[in-house]
C-alpha cells in the first residue's frame, strides 16, 4: 500500500471460480518470509457471500484461516 499516492499494490492472484466456490492464491511477504495466501469465496445465496483468507508458510500443505468476511444485502 502506498498511502502517499493513494494506491493499493497487491500481487496478482491465480485460479478461478468453479460453481459457487472460488479459490484464488498469491504469494506475499509476511514478517520477512514468503507465504502463500488463499482467498476462498463462497456464493451462499443470491443475497449472501462469504470470503475466507488463509496463510500457508508451508507451501500450501496446511492453512491457517485469519480473516472471515460475511456479506449480505
Protein backbone atom coordinates (compact mmCIF):
# COMPACT_ATOMS: atom_id res chain seq x y z
CA UNK A 1 0.00 0.00 0.00
CA UNK A 2 1.34 3.41 -0.94
CA UNK A 3 -0.60 5.88 1.20
CA UNK A 4 1.26 8.87 -0.21
CA UNK A 5 -0.09 8.15 -3.70
CA UNK A 6 -3.43 6.60 -2.64
CA UNK A 7 -2.65 3.26 -4.28
CA UNK A 8 -3.06 -0.31 -3.13
CA UNK A 9 -0.43 -2.58 -4.63
CA UNK A 10 -1.36 -6.26 -4.45
CA UNK A 11 0.19 -9.25 -6.21
CA UNK A 12 -1.86 -10.96 -8.94
CA UNK A 13 -3.92 -13.99 -7.95
CA UNK A 14 -4.34 -17.28 -9.81
CA UNK A 15 -7.14 -19.86 -10.02
CA UNK A 16 -10.84 -19.30 -10.60
CA UNK A 17 -14.48 -19.83 -9.70
CA UNK A 18 -15.98 -23.28 -10.10
CA UNK A 19 -19.72 -23.18 -9.50
CA UNK A 20 -20.49 -21.35 -6.26
CA UNK A 21 -16.89 -21.57 -4.96
CA UNK A 22 -13.90 -19.50 -5.99
CA UNK A 23 -10.36 -20.18 -4.84
CA UNK A 24 -7.53 -17.74 -5.51
CA UNK A 25 -3.86 -17.83 -4.49
CA UNK A 26 -0.99 -15.38 -4.40
CA UNK A 27 2.44 -15.22 -2.80
CA UNK A 28 3.26 -12.41 -0.41
CA UNK A 29 5.88 -11.48 2.12
CA UNK A 30 4.82 -11.62 5.77
CA UNK A 31 7.27 -10.72 8.55
CA UNK A 32 10.17 -11.26 6.14
CA UNK A 33 9.03 -14.70 4.93
CA UNK A 34 7.38 -15.73 1.66
CA UNK A 35 3.94 -17.23 2.28
CA UNK A 36 1.02 -18.39 0.16
CA UNK A 37 -2.23 -16.53 0.68
CA UNK A 38 -5.51 -18.22 -0.26
CA UNK A 39 -8.84 -16.47 -0.74
CA UNK A 40 -11.94 -18.67 -0.84
CA UNK A 41 -15.18 -17.03 -1.99
CA UNK A 42 -18.49 -18.82 -1.44
CA UNK A 43 -21.73 -17.79 -3.11
CA UNK A 44 -24.16 -18.74 -0.33
CA UNK A 45 -27.31 -17.33 -1.92
CA UNK A 46 -28.40 -14.51 -4.25
CA UNK A 47 -28.12 -12.22 -1.21
CA UNK A 48 -25.13 -13.62 0.71
CA UNK A 49 -21.46 -14.42 0.17
CA UNK A 50 -18.52 -15.38 2.37
CA UNK A 51 -14.78 -14.85 1.91
CA UNK A 52 -12.04 -16.56 3.91
CA UNK A 53 -8.38 -15.55 3.82
CA UNK A 54 -5.76 -18.11 4.90
CA UNK A 55 -1.96 -18.10 5.18
CA UNK A 56 0.31 -21.05 4.47
CA UNK A 57 4.00 -20.76 5.35
CA UNK A 58 4.49 -24.39 4.23
CA UNK A 59 3.73 -24.09 0.53
CA UNK A 60 0.04 -24.98 0.82
CA UNK A 61 0.40 -28.14 2.93
CA UNK A 62 -1.53 -26.55 5.80
CA UNK A 63 -3.63 -23.38 6.01
CA UNK A 64 -4.42 -21.01 8.86
CA UNK A 65 -7.64 -19.03 8.40
CA UNK A 66 -7.02 -15.50 9.65
CA UNK A 67 -9.92 -13.48 8.24
CA UNK A 68 -13.57 -14.28 7.50
CA UNK A 69 -15.86 -11.78 5.85
CA UNK A 70 -19.60 -12.46 5.52
CA UNK A 71 -21.55 -10.22 3.15
CA UNK A 72 -25.31 -9.80 2.77
CA UNK A 73 -27.72 -7.41 1.19
